[in-house]
C-alpha atoms as a PDB file:
ATOM      1  CA  MET A   1     -20.563  -4.935 -21.786  1.00  0.00           C
ATOM      2  CA  ASN A   2     -20.914  -7.762 -19.981  1.00  0.00           C
ATOM      3  CA  GLU A   3     -23.723  -7.968 -17.003  1.00  0.00           C
ATOM      4  CA  PHE A   4     -22.046  -6.614 -13.413  1.00  0.00           C
ATOM      5  CA  ILE A   5     -23.237  -7.629 -10.649  1.00  0.00           C
ATOM      6  CA  ILE A   6     -21.901  -7.262  -6.976  1.00  0.00           C
ATOM      7  CA  ASP A   7     -23.345  -8.656  -4.318  1.00  0.00           C
ATOM      8  CA  GLY A   8     -26.617  -9.088  -5.976  1.00  0.00           C
ATOM      9  CA  GLU A   9     -26.620  -5.429  -7.273  1.00  0.00           C
ATOM     10  CA  LYS A  10     -26.681  -4.927 -11.274  1.00  0.00           C
ATOM     11  CA  ILE A  11     -24.594  -2.082 -11.583  1.00  0.00           C
ATOM     12  CA  GLU A  12     -25.303  -0.893 -15.366  1.00  0.00           C
ATOM     13  CA  THR A  13     -22.788   1.022 -17.744  1.00  0.00           C
ATOM     14  CA  GLY A  14     -22.403   4.425 -17.066  1.00  0.00           C
ATOM     15  CA  HIS A  15     -23.723   4.001 -13.901  1.00  0.00           C
ATOM     16  CA  ARG A  16     -22.212   4.456 -10.256  1.00  0.00           C
ATOM     17  CA  ARG A  17     -23.564   3.219  -7.084  1.00  0.00           C
ATOM     18  CA  LYS A  18     -22.187   2.558  -3.495  1.00  0.00           C
ATOM     19  CA  LEU A  19     -23.093  -0.677  -1.841  1.00  0.00           C
ATOM     20  CA  ASP A  20     -23.101  -1.920   1.963  1.00  0.00           C
ATOM     21  CA  ILE A  21     -22.033  -5.983   1.887  1.00  0.00           C
ATOM     22  CA  LYS A  22     -23.415  -7.300   5.447  1.00  0.00           C
ATOM     23  CA  ILE A  23     -20.622  -8.929   7.133  1.00  0.00           C
ATOM     24  CA  ALA A  24     -22.049  -9.865  10.115  1.00  0.00           C
ATOM     25  CA  LYS A  25     -23.534  -8.383  13.460  1.00  0.00           C
ATOM     26  CA  LEU A  26     -21.305  -7.249  16.211  1.00  0.00           C
ATOM     27  CA  TYR A  27     -22.042  -8.140  20.072  1.00  0.00           C
ATOM     28  CA  ASP A  28     -24.082  -4.655  20.269  1.00  0.00           C
ATOM     29  CA  TYR A  29     -26.490  -5.645  17.239  1.00  0.00           C
ATOM     30  CA  THR A  30     -24.808  -2.745  14.998  1.00  0.00           C
ATOM     31  CA  ASP A  31     -23.797  -4.074  11.432  1.00  0.00           C
ATOM     32  CA  MET A  32     -20.279  -4.798  10.372  1.00  0.00           C
ATOM     33  CA  THR A  33     -20.401  -4.104   6.821  1.00  0.00           C
ATOM     34  CA  LEU A  34     -17.997  -3.791   3.858  1.00  0.00           C
ATOM     35  CA  THR A  35     -19.052  -0.742   2.098  1.00  0.00           C
ATOM     36  CA  VAL A  36     -17.506  -0.359  -1.978  1.00  0.00           C
ATOM     37  CA  GLU A  37     -18.223   2.478  -4.354  1.00  0.00           C
ATOM     38  CA  VAL A  38     -18.631   1.409  -7.855  1.00  0.00           C
ATOM     39  CA  ILE A  39     -17.954   3.065 -10.916  1.00  0.00           C
ATOM     40  CA  ARG A  40     -18.806   1.806 -14.570  1.00  0.00           C
ATOM     41  CA  GLY A  41     -18.011   3.700 -17.324  1.00  0.00           C
ATOM     42  CA  GLU A  42     -19.443   3.738 -20.867  1.00  0.00           C
ATOM     43  CA  GLN A  43     -17.023   1.782 -23.096  1.00  0.00           C
ATOM     44  CA  ASP A  44     -15.541  -1.738 -22.359  1.00  0.00           C
ATOM     45  CA  GLY A  45     -12.070  -1.989 -20.768  1.00  0.00           C
ATOM     46  CA  PRO A  46     -10.526  -3.728 -17.588  1.00  0.00           C
ATOM     47  CA  THR A  47     -12.250  -4.384 -13.973  1.00  0.00           C
ATOM     48  CA  MET A  48      -9.780  -2.569 -10.970  1.00  0.00           C
ATOM     49  CA  PHE A  49     -10.499  -2.824  -7.210  1.00  0.00           C
ATOM     50  CA  VAL A  50      -8.499  -0.120  -5.075  1.00  0.00           C
ATOM     51  CA  SER A  51      -8.541  -1.286  -1.641  1.00  0.00           C
ATOM     52  CA  ALA A  52      -7.530   0.701   1.632  1.00  0.00           C
ATOM     53  CA  ALA A  53      -7.223  -0.053   5.659  1.00  0.00           C
ATOM     54  CA  MET A  54      -6.794  -4.143   5.603  1.00  0.00           C
ATOM     55  CA  HIS A  55      -5.413  -2.922   8.544  1.00  0.00           C
ATOM     56  CA  GLY A  56      -7.628  -0.346  10.452  1.00  0.00           C
ATOM     57  CA  ASP A  57      -5.173   1.555  11.449  1.00  0.00           C
ATOM     58  CA  GLU A  58      -3.392   2.097   7.970  1.00  0.00           C
ATOM     59  CA  ILE A  59      -5.348   5.208   7.193  1.00  0.00           C
ATOM     60  CA  ASN A  60      -2.806   7.364   4.444  1.00  0.00           C
ATOM     61  CA  GLY A  61      -4.841   4.579   1.718  1.00  0.00           C
ATOM     62  CA  VAL A  62      -8.439   5.839   2.705  1.00  0.00           C
ATOM     63  CA  GLU A  63      -7.159   9.459   2.105  1.00  0.00           C
ATOM     64  CA  VAL A  64      -6.165   8.271  -1.515  1.00  0.00           C
ATOM     65  CA  CYS A  65      -9.860   6.185  -2.074  1.00  0.00           C
ATOM     66  CA  ARG A  66     -11.340   9.261  -0.886  1.00  0.00           C
ATOM     67  CA  ARG A  67      -9.376  11.644  -3.496  1.00  0.00           C
ATOM     68  CA  LEU A  68      -9.637   9.562  -6.193  1.00  0.00           C
ATOM     69  CA  LEU A  69     -13.942   8.947  -6.289  1.00  0.00           C
ATOM     70  CA  MET A  70     -13.782  12.869  -5.563  1.00  0.00           C
ATOM     71  CA  HIS A  71     -11.778  13.185  -9.454  1.00  0.00           C
ATOM     72  CA  LYS A  72     -13.226  14.332 -12.119  1.00  0.00           C
ATOM     73  CA  VAL A  73     -10.988  11.958 -14.526  1.00  0.00           C
ATOM     74  CA  LEU A  74     -12.933   8.939 -13.670  1.00  0.00           C
ATOM     75  CA  LYS A  75     -16.096  10.242 -15.635  1.00  0.00           C
ATOM     76  CA  LYS A  76     -13.965   9.661 -18.586  1.00  0.00           C
ATOM     77  CA  LEU A  77     -13.533   6.068 -17.218  1.00  0.00           C
ATOM     78  CA  LYS A  78     -13.502   2.889 -19.678  1.00  0.00           C
ATOM     79  CA  GLY A  79     -14.034  -0.460 -17.550  1.00  0.00           C
ATOM     80  CA  THR A  80     -15.120  -0.978 -13.954  1.00  0.00           C
ATOM     81  CA  LEU A  81     -13.309   0.470 -10.646  1.00  0.00           C
ATOM     82  CA  ILE A  82     -14.259  -0.905  -7.445  1.00  0.00           C
ATOM     83  CA  VAL A  83     -13.226   1.151  -4.376  1.00  0.00           C
ATOM     84  CA  VAL A  84     -13.183   0.074  -1.113  1.00  0.00           C
ATOM     85  CA  PRO A  85     -11.572   2.599   1.226  1.00  0.00           C
ATOM     86  CA  ILE A  86     -11.624   1.109   4.881  1.00  0.00           C
ATOM     87  CA  VAL A  87     -11.533  -3.087   4.187  1.00  0.00           C
ATOM     88  CA  ASN A  88     -11.291  -3.251   7.967  1.00  0.00           C
ATOM     89  CA  ILE A  89     -14.259  -1.091   9.685  1.00  0.00           C
ATOM     90  CA  PHE A  90     -13.834  -2.383  12.749  1.00  0.00           C
ATOM     91  CA  GLY A  91     -10.111  -1.988  13.194  1.00  0.00           C
ATOM     92  CA  TYR A  92     -10.438   1.188  11.305  1.00  0.00           C
ATOM     93  CA  ASN A  93     -12.869   2.900  14.018  1.00  0.00           C
ATOM     94  CA  SER A  94     -11.292   1.401  16.842  1.00  0.00           C
ATOM     95  CA  LYS A  95      -7.775   2.766  15.372  1.00  0.00           C
ATOM     96  CA  SER A  96      -6.366  -1.122  15.613  1.00  0.00           C
ATOM     97  CA  ARG A  97      -4.353  -3.369  12.951  1.00  0.00           C
ATOM     98  CA  TYR A  98      -6.528  -6.021  14.050  1.00  0.00           C
ATOM     99  CA  LEU A  99     -10.692  -7.377  14.015  1.00  0.00           C
ATOM    100  CA  PRO A 100     -12.465  -7.913  17.579  1.00  0.00           C
ATOM    101  CA  ASP A 101     -11.156 -11.646  16.974  1.00  0.00           C
ATOM    102  CA  ARG A 102      -7.568 -10.305  17.337  1.00  0.00           C
ATOM    103  CA  ARG A 103      -6.812 -11.664  13.670  1.00  0.00           C
ATOM    104  CA  ASP A 104      -4.953 -10.199  11.308  1.00  0.00           C
ATOM    105  CA  LEU A 105      -7.177 -10.258   8.139  1.00  0.00           C
ATOM    106  CA  ASN A 106      -4.494  -9.993   5.556  1.00  0.00           C
ATOM    107  CA  ARG A 107      -3.096 -13.555   6.994  1.00  0.00           C
ATOM    108  CA  SER A 108      -6.781 -14.463   6.928  1.00  0.00           C
ATOM    109  CA  PHE A 109      -7.641 -15.395   3.384  1.00  0.00           C
ATOM    110  CA  PRO A 110      -8.859 -17.124   1.776  1.00  0.00           C
ATOM    111  CA  GLY A 111     -11.398 -17.505   4.310  1.00  0.00           C
ATOM    112  CA  SER A 112     -14.655 -19.237   4.947  1.00  0.00           C
ATOM    113  CA  ALA A 113     -18.022 -18.414   5.097  1.00  0.00           C
ATOM    114  CA  SER A 114     -18.336 -20.393   8.150  1.00  0.00           C
ATOM    115  CA  GLY A 115     -15.217 -19.189   9.913  1.00  0.00           C
ATOM    116  CA  SER A 116     -13.692 -16.971  12.475  1.00  0.00           C
ATOM    117  CA  LEU A 117     -14.979 -12.725  11.987  1.00  0.00           C
ATOM    118  CA  ALA A 118     -11.845 -12.154  10.262  1.00  0.00           C
ATOM    119  CA  GLY A 119     -11.910 -15.459   7.854  1.00  0.00           C
ATOM    120  CA  ARG A 120     -15.823 -14.047   7.034  1.00  0.00           C
ATOM    121  CA  LEU A 121     -14.511 -10.934   5.910  1.00  0.00           C
ATOM    122  CA  ALA A 122     -11.667 -12.297   3.933  1.00  0.00           C
ATOM    123  CA  ASN A 123     -14.044 -15.041   1.931  1.00  0.00           C
ATOM    124  CA  VAL A 124     -16.703 -11.871   1.176  1.00  0.00           C
ATOM    125  CA  PHE A 125     -14.222  -9.790  -0.161  1.00  0.00           C
ATOM    126  CA  LEU A 126     -13.073 -12.293  -2.295  1.00  0.00           C
ATOM    127  CA  LYS A 127     -15.958 -13.828  -4.067  1.00  0.00           C
ATOM    128  CA  GLU A 128     -17.658  -9.967  -4.133  1.00  0.00           C
ATOM    129  CA  ILE A 129     -14.524  -7.727  -4.878  1.00  0.00           C
ATOM    130  CA  VAL A 130     -11.433  -9.883  -5.986  1.00  0.00           C
ATOM    131  CA  ASP A 131     -13.237 -12.286  -8.266  1.00  0.00           C
ATOM    132  CA  LYS A 132     -14.799  -9.841 -10.353  1.00  0.00           C
ATOM    133  CA  CYS A 133     -11.737  -8.026 -11.087  1.00  0.00           C
ATOM    134  CA  THR A 134      -8.746  -8.272 -13.603  1.00  0.00           C
ATOM    135  CA  HIS A 135      -6.365  -6.154 -11.862  1.00  0.00           C
ATOM    136  CA  GLY A 136      -6.186  -5.361  -8.115  1.00  0.00           C
ATOM    137  CA  ILE A 137      -4.146  -1.916  -5.776  1.00  0.00           C
ATOM    138  CA  ASP A 138      -4.091  -2.639  -2.194  1.00  0.00           C
ATOM    139  CA  LEU A 139      -2.663   0.103  -0.136  1.00  0.00           C
ATOM    140  CA  HIS A 140      -0.927  -0.013   3.238  1.00  0.00           C
ATOM    141  CA  THR A 141       1.419   1.919   5.569  1.00  0.00           C
ATOM    142  CA  GLY A 142       4.144   0.959   7.959  1.00  0.00           C
ATOM    143  CA  ALA A 143       3.076  -0.283  10.755  1.00  0.00           C
ATOM    144  CA  ILE A 144       2.379   1.483  14.311  1.00  0.00           C
ATOM    145  CA  TYR A 145       5.746   3.273  15.198  1.00  0.00           C
ATOM    146  CA  ARG A 146       7.109   2.397  12.215  1.00  0.00           C
ATOM    147  CA  SER A 147       6.960   4.123   8.832  1.00  0.00           C
ATOM    148  CA  ASN A 148       7.924   3.471   5.192  1.00  0.00           C
ATOM    149  CA  LEU A 149       9.383   4.996   2.052  1.00  0.00           C
ATOM    150  CA  ALA A 150       7.109   5.336  -0.670  1.00  0.00           C
ATOM    151  CA  GLN A 151       7.205   1.910  -2.391  1.00  0.00           C
ATOM    152  CA  ILE A 152       5.382  -0.929  -4.759  1.00  0.00           C
ATOM    153  CA  ARG A 153       5.922  -4.677  -3.721  1.00  0.00           C
ATOM    154  CA  ALA A 154       4.596  -6.988  -5.964  1.00  0.00           C
ATOM    155  CA  SER A 155       5.209 -10.524  -7.517  1.00  0.00           C
ATOM    156  CA  LEU A 156       7.823  -9.592 -10.118  1.00  0.00           C
ATOM    157  CA  HIS A 157       8.445 -12.766 -12.093  1.00  0.00           C
ATOM    158  CA  VAL A 158       5.271 -11.735 -14.158  1.00  0.00           C
ATOM    159  CA  PRO A 159       6.396  -9.361 -16.686  1.00  0.00           C
ATOM    160  CA  GLU A 160       3.080  -7.683 -16.878  1.00  0.00           C
ATOM    161  CA  THR A 161       3.099  -7.150 -13.069  1.00  0.00           C
ATOM    162  CA  GLN A 162       6.703  -5.560 -13.135  1.00  0.00           C
ATOM    163  CA  ARG A 163       4.785  -3.311 -15.840  1.00  0.00           C
ATOM    164  CA  LEU A 164       2.383  -1.966 -14.029  1.00  0.00           C
ATOM    165  CA  ALA A 165       5.265  -1.821 -11.006  1.00  0.00           C
ATOM    166  CA  LYS A 166       6.918   0.657 -13.018  1.00  0.00           C
ATOM    167  CA  ALA A 167       3.697   2.190 -14.255  1.00  0.00           C
ATOM    168  CA  PHE A 168       2.819   3.126 -11.164  1.00  0.00           C
ATOM    169  CA  GLY A 169       5.833   5.265 -10.465  1.00  0.00           C
ATOM    170  CA  SER A 170       7.199   5.222  -7.162  1.00  0.00           C
ATOM    171  CA  PRO A 171      10.952   5.491  -7.044  1.00  0.00           C
ATOM    172  CA  VAL A 172      11.534   2.054  -5.363  1.00  0.00           C
ATOM    173  CA  ILE A 173       9.905  -1.581  -5.871  1.00  0.00           C
ATOM    174  CA  LEU A 174      10.782  -4.413  -4.010  1.00  0.00           C
ATOM    175  CA  ASN A 175      10.490  -7.898  -5.334  1.00  0.00           C
ATOM    176  CA  SER A 176       8.663  -9.516  -2.102  1.00  0.00           C
ATOM    177  CA  LYS A 177       8.059 -12.862  -0.735  1.00  0.00           C
ATOM    178  CA  ILE A 178       4.326 -14.259  -0.806  1.00  0.00           C
ATOM    179  CA  ARG A 179       3.076 -14.429   2.777  1.00  0.00           C
ATOM    180  CA  GLU A 180       0.501 -17.322   3.332  1.00  0.00           C
ATOM    181  CA  GLY A 181      -3.248 -16.032   3.844  1.00  0.00           C
ATOM    182  CA  SER A 182      -2.339 -12.601   2.540  1.00  0.00           C
ATOM    183  CA  LEU A 183      -4.970 -11.137  -0.080  1.00  0.00           C
ATOM    184  CA  ARG A 184      -1.796 -11.198  -2.784  1.00  0.00           C
ATOM    185  CA  SER A 185      -1.594 -14.739  -2.499  1.00  0.00           C
ATOM    186  CA  MET A 186      -5.252 -15.223  -2.850  1.00  0.00           C
ATOM    187  CA  VAL A 187      -5.146 -12.593  -6.197  1.00  0.00           C
ATOM    188  CA  VAL A 188      -1.496 -13.828  -7.809  1.00  0.00           C
ATOM    189  CA  SER A 189      -3.263 -17.873  -7.644  1.00  0.00           C
ATOM    190  CA  LYS A 190      -6.306 -16.509  -9.597  1.00  0.00           C
ATOM    191  CA  ASN A 191      -4.217 -14.619 -12.317  1.00  0.00           C
ATOM    192  CA  ILE A 192      -5.090 -11.453 -11.389  1.00  0.00           C
ATOM    193  CA  ARG A 193      -2.362  -8.295 -11.923  1.00  0.00           C
ATOM    194  CA  PHE A 194      -1.873  -7.489  -8.721  1.00  0.00           C
ATOM    195  CA  LEU A 195       0.037  -4.443  -6.610  1.00  0.00           C
ATOM    196  CA  VAL A 196       0.647  -3.620  -3.116  1.00  0.00           C
ATOM    197  CA  PHE A 197       1.516   0.072  -2.507  1.00  0.00           C
ATOM    198  CA  GLU A 198       3.216   0.834   0.773  1.00  0.00           C
ATOM    199  CA  GLY A 199       4.396   4.336   2.584  1.00  0.00           C
ATOM    200  CA  GLY A 200       3.748   6.059   5.746  1.00  0.00           C
ATOM    201  CA  GLU A 201       3.083   5.472   9.200  1.00  0.00           C
ATOM    202  CA  ALA A 202      -0.162   3.912  10.988  1.00  0.00           C
ATOM    203  CA  LEU A 203      -2.726   6.654  12.118  1.00  0.00           C
ATOM    204  CA  ARG A 204      -0.875   9.465  10.419  1.00  0.00           C
ATOM    205  CA  PHE A 205      -1.587  11.353   7.098  1.00  0.00           C
ATOM    206  CA  ASP A 206       1.762  11.996   5.043  1.00  0.00           C
ATOM    207  CA  GLU A 207       0.956  14.119   2.028  1.00  0.00           C
ATOM    208  CA  LYS A 208       3.682  13.104  -0.293  1.00  0.00           C
ATOM    209  CA  VAL A 209       2.519   9.402   0.746  1.00  0.00           C
ATOM    210  CA  ILE A 210      -1.094   9.891  -0.301  1.00  0.00           C
ATOM    211  CA  ASN A 211      -0.644  12.045  -3.545  1.00  0.00           C
ATOM    212  CA  SER A 212       2.185   9.522  -4.661  1.00  0.00           C
ATOM    213  CA  GLY A 213      -0.587   6.607  -3.822  1.00  0.00           C
ATOM    214  CA  LEU A 214      -3.186   8.610  -6.289  1.00  0.00           C
ATOM    215  CA  TYR A 215      -0.435   9.505  -9.156  1.00  0.00           C
ATOM    216  CA  GLY A 216      -0.015   5.780  -9.220  1.00  0.00           C
ATOM    217  CA  VAL A 217      -3.593   4.433  -8.827  1.00  0.00           C
ATOM    218  CA  LEU A 218      -4.073   7.088 -11.417  1.00  0.00           C
ATOM    219  CA  SER A 219      -0.933   6.186 -13.668  1.00  0.00           C
ATOM    220  CA  VAL A 220      -1.612   2.326 -13.603  1.00  0.00           C
ATOM    221  CA  MET A 221      -5.221   2.925 -14.707  1.00  0.00           C
ATOM    222  CA  LYS A 222      -3.920   4.770 -17.921  1.00  0.00           C
ATOM    223  CA  GLU A 223      -1.302   1.933 -18.465  1.00  0.00           C
ATOM    224  CA  ILE A 224      -4.000  -0.631 -18.526  1.00  0.00           C
ATOM    225  CA  GLY A 225      -6.365   1.403 -20.761  1.00  0.00           C
ATOM    226  CA  MET A 226      -9.079   2.279 -18.005  1.00  0.00           C
ATOM    227  CA  LEU A 227      -7.949   6.317 -18.421  1.00  0.00           C
ATOM    228  CA  GLU A 228      -6.814   8.030 -21.902  1.00  0.00           C
ATOM    229  CA  GLU A 229      -4.776  10.930 -20.490  1.00  0.00           C
ATOM    230  CA  LEU A 230      -3.891  11.982 -17.099  1.00  0.00           C
ATOM    231  CA  PRO A 231      -3.779  15.566 -16.090  1.00  0.00           C
ATOM    232  CA  PHE A 232      -0.435  15.644 -15.146  1.00  0.00           C
ATOM    233  CA  LYS A 233       2.785  14.829 -16.708  1.00  0.00           C
ATOM    234  CA  GLN A 234       4.051  11.294 -15.799  1.00  0.00           C
ATOM    235  CA  ARG A 235       7.137  10.615 -14.096  1.00  0.00           C
ATOM    236  CA  LYS A 236      10.088   9.064 -16.219  1.00  0.00           C
ATOM    237  CA  LYS A 237       9.815   5.476 -16.131  1.00  0.00           C
ATOM    238  CA  LYS A 238      13.834   5.023 -15.903  1.00  0.00           C
ATOM    239  CA  GLU A 239      13.597   6.683 -12.731  1.00  0.00           C
ATOM    240  CA  VAL A 240      12.472   3.766 -11.216  1.00  0.00           C
ATOM    241  CA  TYR A 241      14.329   0.738  -9.395  1.00  0.00           C
ATOM    242  CA  THR A 242      13.997  -2.412  -8.387  1.00  0.00           C
ATOM    243  CA  ALA A 243      15.513  -3.974  -5.284  1.00  0.00           C
ATOM    244  CA  LYS A 244      17.197  -7.311  -5.695  1.00  0.00           C
ATOM    245  CA  SER A 245      17.088  -7.690  -1.822  1.00  0.00           C
ATOM    246  CA  SER A 246      16.567  -6.126   0.935  1.00  0.00           C
ATOM    247  CA  TYR A 247      17.505  -6.313   5.156  1.00  0.00           C
ATOM    248  CA  TRP A 248      16.544  -5.490   8.432  1.00  0.00           C
ATOM    249  CA  ALA A 249      19.090  -3.627  10.673  1.00  0.00           C
ATOM    250  CA  ARG A 250      18.237  -4.654  14.914  1.00  0.00           C
ATOM    251  CA  ALA A 251      18.885  -3.509  17.465  1.00  0.00           C
ATOM    252  CA  SER A 252      21.865  -5.594  19.594  1.00  0.00           C
ATOM    253  CA  GLU A 253      20.977  -3.903  23.076  1.00  0.00           C
ATOM    254  CA  SER A 254      18.050  -2.068  24.414  1.00  0.00           C
ATOM    255  CA  GLY A 255      17.846   1.560  25.283  1.00  0.00           C
ATOM    256  CA  ILE A 256      17.522   4.942  23.345  1.00  0.00           C
ATOM    257  CA  LEU A 257      17.780   5.309  19.755  1.00  0.00           C
ATOM    258  CA  THR A 258      18.687   8.400  18.526  1.00  0.00           C
ATOM    259  CA  GLY A 259      20.278  10.412  15.751  1.00  0.00           C
ATOM    260  CA  SER A 260      18.519   7.900  13.043  1.00  0.00           C
ATOM    261  CA  LYS A 261      19.349   8.802   9.174  1.00  0.00           C
ATOM    262  CA  ALA A 262      15.884   9.545   7.164  1.00  0.00           C
ATOM    263  CA  LEU A 263      13.833   7.544   4.814  1.00  0.00           C
ATOM    264  CA  GLY A 264      15.428   7.451   1.510  1.00  0.00           C
ATOM    265  CA  THR A 265      19.041   7.836   2.567  1.00  0.00           C
ATOM    266  CA  ARG A 266      21.914   6.276   0.703  1.00  0.00           C
ATOM    267  CA  VAL A 267      24.056   3.978   3.025  1.00  0.00           C
ATOM    268  CA  LYS A 268      27.280   2.497   3.144  1.00  0.00           C
ATOM    269  CA  ALA A 269      28.451  -0.898   4.073  1.00  0.00           C
ATOM    270  CA  GLY A 270      29.523  -0.352   7.642  1.00  0.00           C
ATOM    271  CA  GLU A 271      27.889   3.386   7.811  1.00  0.00           C
ATOM    272  CA  VAL A 272      26.664   3.925  11.045  1.00  0.00           C
ATOM    273  CA  ILE A 273      23.397   4.825  10.907  1.00  0.00           C
ATOM    274  CA  ALA A 274      21.720   5.392  14.319  1.00  0.00           C
ATOM    275  CA  LYS A 275      22.966   5.194  18.332  1.00  0.00           C
ATOM    276  CA  ILE A 276      21.441   3.613  20.891  1.00  0.00           C
ATOM    277  CA  SER A 277      22.186   5.077  24.518  1.00  0.00           C
ATOM    278  CA  ASP A 278      21.101   3.877  27.893  1.00  0.00           C
ATOM    279  CA  PRO A 279      18.659   6.849  29.906  1.00  0.00           C
ATOM    280  CA  PHE A 280      22.272   7.643  31.611  1.00  0.00           C
ATOM    281  CA  GLY A 281      24.041   8.310  28.376  1.00  0.00           C
ATOM    282  CA  ILE A 282      26.896   6.020  29.876  1.00  0.00           C
ATOM    283  CA  HIS A 283      26.754   3.564  27.322  1.00  0.00           C
ATOM    284  CA  LEU A 284      26.533   3.992  23.551  1.00  0.00           C
ATOM    285  CA  ILE A 285      26.097   1.471  21.050  1.00  0.00           C
ATOM    286  CA  LYS A 286      26.601   2.424  17.157  1.00  0.00           C
ATOM    287  CA  VAL A 287      24.041   1.034  14.437  1.00  0.00           C
ATOM    288  CA  LYS A 288      25.620   0.196  11.355  1.00  0.00           C
ATOM    289  CA  ALA A 289      24.456  -0.629   7.927  1.00  0.00           C
ATOM    290  CA  SER A 290      25.687  -4.599   7.237  1.00  0.00           C
ATOM    291  CA  ARG A 291      25.380  -3.869   3.390  1.00  0.00           C
ATOM    292  CA  ALA A 292      25.061  -0.767   1.289  1.00  0.00           C
ATOM    293  CA  GLY A 293      21.613   0.531  -0.077  1.00  0.00           C
ATOM    294  CA  ILE A 294      18.538   2.857   0.616  1.00  0.00           C
ATOM    295  CA  ILE A 295      16.330   2.838   3.996  1.00  0.00           C
ATOM    296  CA  ILE A 296      13.527   2.063   2.585  1.00  0.00           C
ATOM    297  CA  GLY A 297      11.487   1.828   6.475  1.00  0.00           C
ATOM    298  CA  LYS A 298      12.621   3.044  10.190  1.00  0.00           C
ATOM    299  CA  ALA A 299      11.700   2.635  13.615  1.00  0.00           C
ATOM    300  CA  GLU A 300       9.847   6.083  14.777  1.00  0.00           C
ATOM    301  CA  LEU A 301       9.745   5.394  18.630  1.00  0.00           C
ATOM    302  CA  PRO A 302      13.256   6.086  20.231  1.00  0.00           C
ATOM    303  CA  LEU A 303      12.419   3.621  23.159  1.00  0.00           C
ATOM    304  CA  ILE A 304      14.191  -0.027  21.633  1.00  0.00           C
ATOM    305  CA  ASN A 305      14.350  -3.551  23.153  1.00  0.00           C
ATOM    306  CA  GLU A 306      17.013  -6.007  21.830  1.00  0.00           C
ATOM    307  CA  GLY A 307      16.040  -7.644  18.763  1.00  0.00           C
ATOM    308  CA  ASP A 308      13.942  -4.457  17.236  1.00  0.00           C
ATOM    309  CA  ALA A 309      13.933  -4.137  13.609  1.00  0.00           C
ATOM    310  CA  LEU A 310      15.132  -0.722  13.373  1.00  0.00           C
ATOM    311  CA  PHE A 311      16.021  -0.283   9.636  1.00  0.00           C
ATOM    312  CA  HIS A 312      14.699  -1.458   6.260  1.00  0.00           C
ATOM    313  CA  ILE A 313      17.358  -1.069   3.643  1.00  0.00           C
ATOM    314  CA  ALA A 314      16.911  -2.575   0.188  1.00  0.00           C
ATOM    315  CA  CYS A 315      19.866  -3.452  -2.069  1.00  0.00           C
ATOM    316  CA  PHE A 316      20.344  -2.258  -5.679  1.00  0.00           C
ATOM    317  CA  GLU A 317      22.328  -3.762  -8.698  1.00  0.00           C
ATOM    318  CA  GLU A 318      22.009  -0.061  -9.793  1.00  0.00           C
ATOM    319  CA  ASP A 319      24.273   2.686  -8.086  1.00  0.00           C
ATOM    320  CA  ASP A 320      22.870   3.477  -4.750  1.00  0.00           C
ATOM    321  CA  LYS A 321      23.447   6.891  -5.955  1.00  0.00           C
ATOM    322  CA  ALA A 322      20.915   7.015  -8.670  1.00  0.00           C
ATOM    323  CA  VAL A 323      18.131   5.378  -6.562  1.00  0.00           C
ATOM    324  CA  ALA A 324      18.774   7.940  -3.750  1.00  0.00           C
ATOM    325  CA  ALA A 325      18.854  10.803  -6.732  1.00  0.00           C
ATOM    326  CA  SER A 326      15.596   9.180  -8.057  1.00  0.00           C
ATOM    327  CA  VAL A 327      13.837   9.271  -4.469  1.00  0.00           C
ATOM    328  CA  GLU A 328      14.963  12.477  -4.059  1.00  0.00           C
ATOM    329  CA  SER A 329      13.945  13.961  -7.563  1.00  0.00           C
ATOM    330  CA  PHE A 330      10.252  12.114  -6.815  1.00  0.00           C
ATOM    331  CA  ASP A 331       9.886  13.821  -3.432  1.00  0.00           C
ATOM    332  CA  GLU A 332      10.274  17.146  -5.129  1.00  0.00           C
ATOM    333  CA  PHE A 333       8.286  16.052  -8.144  1.00  0.00           C
ATOM    334  CA  VAL A 334       5.582  15.039  -5.595  1.00  0.00           C
ATOM    335  CA  ASP A 335       6.105  18.536  -3.573  1.00  0.00           C
ATOM    336  CA  GLY A 336       5.794  20.730  -7.064  1.00  0.00           C
ATOM    337  CA  THR A 337       2.707  21.181  -9.365  1.00  0.00           C
ATOM    338  CA  LEU A 338       1.185  17.280  -8.772  1.00  0.00           C
ATOM    339  CA  GLU A 339      -0.417  18.139  -5.183  1.00  0.00           C
ATOM    340  CA  GLU A 340      -2.375  21.107  -6.877  1.00  0.00           C
ATOM    341  CA  VAL A 341      -3.300  18.858 -10.157  1.00  0.00           C
ATOM    342  CA  LEU A 342      -4.389  15.783  -8.407  1.00  0.00           C
ATOM    343  CA  GLU A 343      -6.803  17.361  -5.853  1.00  0.00           C
ATOM    344  CA  SER A 344      -8.466  19.053  -9.173  1.00  0.00           C
END
């Protein structure tokens, strides 16, 4: 196997190391660090990173990383796994999406060694983590007061990325646009196979989402040859569906949101998916789906301003009934024996 060095530290095959990469000092003179754990197998294989809390308040992925690092299946690892449970440690500690300079880290790539605090962290993450990898998975949730159905977002024009997205196993895949300054924009430009997992809500643990994420990460590791076998029976790949497009249903007026449809619900064009009322119950506005699809994201705060994004609806070439059934069967799969197996 090739020599592996991270932050100047050489890590031998068959070894496991936790490293604190210094980023900067904060004004109270404490160190802001990027803490990573590196696991090297005895045999050759891909090098993959798994990261979470790029936005500090998106904590489901932190728990996915914790359970991944504890899992005994890593004893049979081939290649190298780099796990970064908390990328934005400042945002995580302050329960905030952002860094102290109020910048969004996931819009600050590639960053610079002499730039803003966000830019410096982005620059270190690229050089010390991303540039050493062949594959990567970044774990996210919905923003605060907004929840997402478990889903994969990726650039599916690359056949290999499409294969890995299906292997992850989440019932819904979005062929999403790349945003300037995002981690994905940099990783894809470096020809690294990369997936973004979305699920749940900021500052909340969701067991289904956490287990779905862990299942997906391990499934991808098997798909690329880092693991020979898994401690569970994989879900059938034919039950994964790719959305051809998606749209947001927005509030036409301000008020109180009631009667919202649940995540994973199949909706028809023109169907009422929620209602908006004033506090006195005099005016009632119906929120309707403009096109048929599956609800993959929704607002959780019932206090709504005009123009607010309320429902994220994905549209599919396949029958929406089949997609909705796949979402339901995946929930049952996660609720069944999978949880016990993944915790072993």
